[in-house]
C-alpha atoms as a PDB file:
ATOM      1  CA  MET A   1       3.760 -48.689 137.494  1.00  0.00           C
ATOM      2  CA  LEU A   2       2.499 -46.753 140.808  1.00  0.00           C
ATOM      3  CA  PHE A   3       5.791 -47.318 141.920  1.00  0.00           C
ATOM      4  CA  TYR A   4       7.592 -46.215 139.281  1.00  0.00           C
ATOM      5  CA  THR A   5       6.081 -43.137 138.317  1.00  0.00           C
ATOM      6  CA  ARG A   6       5.767 -41.876 141.907  1.00  0.00           C
ATOM      7  CA  PHE A   7       9.781 -41.955 141.815  1.00  0.00           C
ATOM      8  CA  CYS A   8       9.954 -40.849 138.486  1.00  0.00           C
ATOM      9  CA  ALA A   9       8.185 -38.084 139.427  1.00  0.00           C
ATOM     10  CA  LEU A  10      10.173 -37.858 142.322  1.00  0.00           C
ATOM     11  CA  LEU A  11      13.640 -38.210 139.886  1.00  0.00           C
ATOM     12  CA  SER A  12      12.134 -35.092 137.900  1.00  0.00           C
ATOM     13  CA  LYS A  13      11.645 -32.863 141.014  1.00  0.00           C
ATOM     14  CA  LEU A  14      14.691 -33.654 142.404  1.00  0.00           C
ATOM     15  CA  SER A  15      16.465 -32.955 139.054  1.00  0.00           C
ATOM     16  CA  LEU A  16      14.424 -29.014 138.818  1.00  0.00           C
ATOM     17  CA  MET A  17      15.080 -28.431 141.761  1.00  0.00           C
ATOM     18  CA  LEU A  18      19.066 -28.826 141.722  1.00  0.00           C
ATOM     19  CA  ALA A  19      18.773 -27.285 137.990  1.00  0.00           C
ATOM     20  CA  VAL A  20      17.150 -24.165 139.845  1.00  0.00           C
ATOM     21  CA  ALA A  21      19.931 -24.220 142.606  1.00  0.00           C
ATOM     22  CA  GLY A  22      22.815 -24.291 140.068  1.00  0.00           C
ATOM     23  CA  LEU A  23      20.603 -21.872 138.123  1.00  0.00           C
ATOM     24  CA  ILE A  24      21.258 -19.397 141.261  1.00  0.00           C
ATOM     25  CA  VAL A  25      24.543 -20.041 141.917  1.00  0.00           C
ATOM     26  CA  LEU A  26      25.275 -19.834 138.385  1.00  0.00           C
ATOM     27  CA  ILE A  27      23.736 -16.165 138.338  1.00  0.00           C
ATOM     28  CA  ALA A  28      25.971 -15.496 142.147  1.00  0.00           C
ATOM     29  CA  CYS A  29      29.576 -17.503 140.034  1.00  0.00           C
ATOM     30  CA  VAL A  30      29.180 -14.142 137.540  1.00  0.00           C
ATOM     31  CA  GLN A  31      27.690 -11.373 139.386  1.00  0.00           C
ATOM     32  CA  TYR A  32      30.900 -12.275 141.672  1.00  0.00           C
ATOM     33  CA  GLN A  33      32.765 -12.069 138.462  1.00  0.00           C
ATOM     34  CA  VAL A  34      31.821  -8.807 136.552  1.00  0.00           C
ATOM     35  CA  VAL A  35      32.006  -7.213 140.526  1.00  0.00           C
ATOM     36  CA  GLY A  36      35.894  -8.492 140.940  1.00  0.00           C
ATOM     37  CA  ARG A  37      36.447  -7.605 137.609  1.00  0.00           C
ATOM     38  CA  TYR A  38      35.213  -3.888 137.383  1.00  0.00           C
ATOM     39  CA  VAL A  39      35.045  -3.216 141.346  1.00  0.00           C
ATOM     40  CA  PHE A  40      38.253  -4.474 142.730  1.00  0.00           C
ATOM     41  CA  ASN A  41      39.870  -4.449 139.039  1.00  0.00           C
ATOM     42  CA  ASP A  42      39.995  -8.668 139.930  1.00  0.00           C
ATOM     43  CA  THR A  43      38.894 -11.243 138.035  1.00  0.00           C
ATOM     44  CA  PRO A  44      38.563 -14.462 139.788  1.00  0.00           C
ATOM     45  CA  THR A  45      39.489 -17.401 137.466  1.00  0.00           C
ATOM     46  CA  TRP A  46      37.860 -19.537 138.680  1.00  0.00           C
ATOM     47  CA  ALA A  47      34.640 -18.129 138.785  1.00  0.00           C
ATOM     48  CA  GLU A  48      33.898 -18.520 134.540  1.00  0.00           C
ATOM     49  CA  ALA A  49      34.991 -22.193 134.955  1.00  0.00           C
ATOM     50  CA  LEU A  50      32.240 -22.438 138.065  1.00  0.00           C
ATOM     51  CA  ALA A  51      29.985 -20.995 135.813  1.00  0.00           C
ATOM     52  CA  LEU A  52      30.559 -22.985 132.419  1.00  0.00           C
ATOM     53  CA  LEU A  53      30.197 -26.352 134.078  1.00  0.00           C
ATOM     54  CA  LEU A  54      26.911 -25.465 135.901  1.00  0.00           C
ATOM     55  CA  VAL A  55      25.478 -24.150 132.456  1.00  0.00           C
ATOM     56  CA  LEU A  56      26.101 -27.944 131.770  1.00  0.00           C
ATOM     57  CA  TYR A  57      24.263 -29.649 134.158  1.00  0.00           C
ATOM     58  CA  ILE A  58      21.315 -27.189 134.240  1.00  0.00           C
ATOM     59  CA  THR A  59      20.715 -27.609 130.923  1.00  0.00           C
ATOM     60  CA  ALA A  60      21.005 -31.965 131.070  1.00  0.00           C
ATOM     61  CA  LEU A  61      19.138 -31.525 134.024  1.00  0.00           C
ATOM     62  CA  GLY A  62      16.848 -29.644 132.610  1.00  0.00           C
ATOM     63  CA  VAL A  63      16.592 -31.162 129.507  1.00  0.00           C
ATOM     64  CA  ALA A  64      15.686 -34.833 131.477  1.00  0.00           C
ATOM     65  CA  VAL A  65      12.489 -32.832 133.671  1.00  0.00           C
ATOM     66  CA  GLY A  66      11.276 -31.562 130.088  1.00  0.00           C
ATOM     67  CA  VAL A  67      10.990 -34.757 127.890  1.00  0.00           C
ATOM     68  CA  ARG A  68       8.994 -36.221 131.700  1.00  0.00           C
ATOM     69  CA  ASP A  69       7.000 -33.851 131.870  1.00  0.00           C
ATOM     70  CA  ALA A  70       6.411 -33.276 127.375  1.00  0.00           C
ATOM     71  CA  GLY A  71       8.123 -29.761 127.303  1.00  0.00           C
ATOM     72  CA  HIS A  72      10.259 -30.518 124.983  1.00  0.00           C
ATOM     73  CA  ILE A  73       9.919 -30.208 121.302  1.00  0.00           C
ATOM     74  CA  GLY A  74       7.400 -32.816 120.049  1.00  0.00           C
ATOM     75  CA  MET A  75       5.151 -33.578 116.485  1.00  0.00           C
ATOM     76  CA  ASP A  76       2.149 -32.858 118.425  1.00  0.00           C
ATOM     77  CA  SER A  77       0.067 -31.566 115.830  1.00  0.00           C
ATOM     78  CA  ILE A  78       0.857 -33.960 113.905  1.00  0.00           C
ATOM     79  CA  VAL A  79       0.091 -37.257 115.622  1.00  0.00           C
ATOM     80  CA  SER A  80      -3.026 -35.787 116.262  1.00  0.00           C
ATOM     81  CA  LEU A  81      -4.192 -35.609 112.729  1.00  0.00           C
ATOM     82  CA  LEU A  82      -3.839 -40.033 112.703  1.00  0.00           C
ATOM     83  CA  PRO A  83      -6.400 -42.486 113.502  1.00  0.00           C
ATOM     84  CA  GLU A  84      -6.323 -43.315 116.852  1.00  0.00           C
ATOM     85  CA  LYS A  85      -4.460 -47.227 116.014  1.00  0.00           C
ATOM     86  CA  PHE A  86      -1.700 -45.226 114.190  1.00  0.00           C
ATOM     87  CA  ARG A  87      -0.967 -42.407 117.351  1.00  0.00           C
ATOM     88  CA  LEU A  88      -0.491 -45.112 119.788  1.00  0.00           C
ATOM     89  CA  LYS A  89       1.455 -46.555 117.831  1.00  0.00           C
ATOM     90  CA  LEU A  90       3.746 -43.362 116.399  1.00  0.00           C
ATOM     91  CA  GLU A  91       3.349 -42.569 119.931  1.00  0.00           C
ATOM     92  CA  ILE A  92       5.655 -44.998 121.465  1.00  0.00           C
ATOM     93  CA  VAL A  93       8.095 -44.670 118.425  1.00  0.00           C
ATOM     94  CA  ILE A  94       8.597 -41.692 119.481  1.00  0.00           C
ATOM     95  CA  HIS A  95       9.610 -42.338 123.028  1.00  0.00           C
ATOM     96  CA  LEU A  96      11.164 -45.629 121.332  1.00  0.00           C
ATOM     97  CA  LEU A  97      13.478 -43.194 119.439  1.00  0.00           C
ATOM     98  CA  VAL A  98      14.212 -40.934 122.827  1.00  0.00           C
ATOM     99  CA  GLY A  99      14.957 -43.438 125.124  1.00  0.00           C
ATOM    100  CA  LEU A 100      17.351 -44.261 122.648  1.00  0.00           C
ATOM    101  CA  PHE A 101      18.839 -41.286 122.719  1.00  0.00           C
ATOM    102  CA  GLY A 102      18.729 -41.152 126.341  1.00  0.00           C
ATOM    103  CA  ALA A 103      20.803 -44.454 125.956  1.00  0.00           C
ATOM    104  CA  LEU A 104      23.529 -43.393 123.407  1.00  0.00           C
ATOM    105  CA  MET A 105      23.855 -39.991 125.690  1.00  0.00           C
ATOM    106  CA  VAL A 106      24.627 -42.425 128.662  1.00  0.00           C
ATOM    107  CA  GLN A 107      27.016 -44.873 126.745  1.00  0.00           C
ATOM    108  CA  ASN A 108      29.073 -41.986 125.062  1.00  0.00           C
ATOM    109  CA  GLY A 109      29.015 -39.446 128.097  1.00  0.00           C
ATOM    110  CA  TRP A 110      30.342 -42.417 129.902  1.00  0.00           C
ATOM    111  CA  LEU A 111      33.453 -42.998 127.410  1.00  0.00           C
ATOM    112  CA  TRP A 112      34.016 -39.741 127.273  1.00  0.00           C
ATOM    113  CA  THR A 113      33.544 -39.104 130.830  1.00  0.00           C
ATOM    114  CA  THR A 114      36.497 -42.397 131.940  1.00  0.00           C
ATOM    115  CA  MET A 115      38.218 -41.019 129.124  1.00  0.00           C
ATOM    116  CA  LYS A 116      38.765 -37.501 130.575  1.00  0.00           C
ATOM    117  CA  TRP A 117      38.689 -38.448 134.029  1.00  0.00           C
ATOM    118  CA  ASN A 118      42.590 -38.324 134.768  1.00  0.00           C
ATOM    119  CA  ASP A 119      42.971 -34.487 132.889  1.00  0.00           C
ATOM    120  CA  LYS A 120      42.358 -31.785 135.450  1.00  0.00           C
ATOM    121  CA  LYS A 121      40.479 -29.105 134.174  1.00  0.00           C
ATOM    122  CA  PRO A 122      43.101 -25.431 134.893  1.00  0.00           C
ATOM    123  CA  MET A 123      40.766 -23.033 136.075  1.00  0.00           C
ATOM    124  CA  LEU A 124      39.102 -25.494 139.089  1.00  0.00           C
ATOM    125  CA  SER A 125      41.513 -28.181 139.793  1.00  0.00           C
ATOM    126  CA  VAL A 126      38.804 -30.829 139.057  1.00  0.00           C
ATOM    127  CA  PRO A 127      38.525 -33.499 136.735  1.00  0.00           C
ATOM    128  CA  SER A 128      37.975 -32.634 133.325  1.00  0.00           C
ATOM    129  CA  GLY A 129      35.207 -35.280 133.363  1.00  0.00           C
ATOM    130  CA  LEU A 130      32.832 -34.012 134.838  1.00  0.00           C
ATOM    131  CA  ASP A 131      31.485 -31.688 131.956  1.00  0.00           C
ATOM    132  CA  PHE A 132      31.027 -35.376 129.687  1.00  0.00           C
ATOM    133  CA  LEU A 133      29.499 -36.417 133.451  1.00  0.00           C
ATOM    134  CA  PRO A 134      26.051 -34.830 132.465  1.00  0.00           C
ATOM    135  CA  LEU A 135      25.150 -36.583 129.620  1.00  0.00           C
ATOM    136  CA  VAL A 136      25.449 -39.253 131.183  1.00  0.00           C
ATOM    137  CA  ILE A 137      23.207 -38.615 134.168  1.00  0.00           C
ATOM    138  CA  ALA A 138      20.526 -36.551 131.899  1.00  0.00           C
ATOM    139  CA  GLY A 139      20.622 -39.585 129.496  1.00  0.00           C
ATOM    140  CA  VAL A 140      19.738 -41.581 132.678  1.00  0.00           C
ATOM    141  CA  LEU A 141      16.659 -40.588 133.631  1.00  0.00           C
ATOM    142  CA  ILE A 142      15.682 -39.525 129.327  1.00  0.00           C
ATOM    143  CA  VAL A 143      15.999 -43.237 129.429  1.00  0.00           C
ATOM    144  CA  LEU A 144      13.972 -43.498 133.169  1.00  0.00           C
ATOM    145  CA  PHE A 145      11.002 -41.238 131.738  1.00  0.00           C
ATOM    146  CA  SER A 146      11.149 -42.604 128.525  1.00  0.00           C
ATOM    147  CA  ILE A 147       9.616 -45.980 129.519  1.00  0.00           C
ATOM    148  CA  GLU A 148       7.312 -43.531 132.595  1.00  0.00           C
ATOM    149  CA  HIS A 149       5.700 -43.173 128.929  1.00  0.00           C
ATOM    150  CA  ILE A 150       6.134 -45.935 127.044  1.00  0.00           C
ATOM    151  CA  ILE A 151       4.058 -48.109 129.831  1.00  0.00           C
ATOM    152  CA  ALA A 152       1.263 -45.346 130.869  1.00  0.00           C
ATOM    153  CA  LEU A 153       0.676 -45.466 126.486  1.00  0.00           C
ATOM    154  CA  LEU A 154       0.727 -49.068 126.767  1.00  0.00           C
ATOM    155  CA  GLN A 155      -1.932 -48.850 129.625  1.00  0.00           C
ATOM    156  CA  GLY A 156      -3.771 -45.689 128.645  1.00  0.00           C
ATOM    157  CA  LYS A 157      -3.196 -43.619 131.402  1.00  0.00           C
ATOM    158  CA  GLU A 158      -1.010 -40.197 131.159  1.00  0.00           C
ATOM    159  CA  VAL A 159       2.039 -39.041 132.762  1.00  0.00           C
ATOM    160  CA  ILE A 160       1.364 -36.209 135.080  1.00  0.00           C
ATOM    161  CA  PRO A 161       4.182 -33.695 135.357  1.00  0.00           C
ATOM    162  CA  ALA A 162       6.125 -33.422 138.674  1.00  0.00           C
ATOM    163  CA  TRP A 163       5.535 -29.909 139.080  1.00  0.00           C
ATOM    164  CA  ASN A 164       1.753 -29.998 138.409  1.00  0.00           C
END
């Protein structure tokens, strides 16, 4: 379990760092677009398309980190009111459902990624399938992090957020 926890913590931290780097690039793209439009009267067409693509990746990575670090909206108030024997079972069911959702993200995201891979985005000349790849990445991370939470619950441990 220790190896798996460290592995998930590393994945979570890397995902968060990539999301922050993506956010910095996103801000630069938007600034470049604004300066091009209002200062030089020449709008760079690729900047908006890249910014929209970055939003998908930033959001997907952020969602996955939120699942691991319990930053997502939960039903903690209801769960905490239950007796201990029901609380553990319900928490496991919640993580199983979150993991199932992640698996569905992987399945359907991969389907759309492969279907759209040969199409090109007009403004960036990259595969349109890149729009759906964040679903696959986030889904895999969500499944891994949900498994980590279930193992921790069964062992009576708590998952420590990677950013601490």
